[in-house]
């Protein structure tokens, strides 16, 4: 990382940033260009391992390209605060961000789908307990991203 003064090394701090973020942008490989899509997500951790969960319609362009190449990149950012100055070149933005890479899969079994959906709902409604019926599980595609590399970055002025 070029700006090592902004690098976040602590695994716990990186997880805390992800917990604050509302959306992750997935970067999916295509033959011509990267395909970037914002997605709601859930997260599970075990030791240093991170699994990100997403839900999707059971067909579409992102699934088409994931089936061709399951290697993806991702990015999430939050804590934005514009810092103004008299000079345009002195404007800056406070932020926290996380970027990484991993392999994404589409588990088909109901236990994995339920686990993924529960993880997603815990991220947005941690005090609720959700249950999913067999027809609900059948109607959704769950994406599981096993993170292989992750970095964090922060700029905090005040």
Foldseek 3Di string as FASTA:
>chain_A
DVPPVFWDDDLVVLVVFVLVFQWKWKFFDDPPHTDIDIFQWFWDDDVSWIKIKTKDFPDDDRVVRCVVPQKMKMKTKDPWDWDDDPDPVPIDIWIKMKIFIFGKDWDLDLVVLQVGVQRRCCSVPVVDDDDDDPVRSNRMIMMMTTTDDMIMGTDDDD
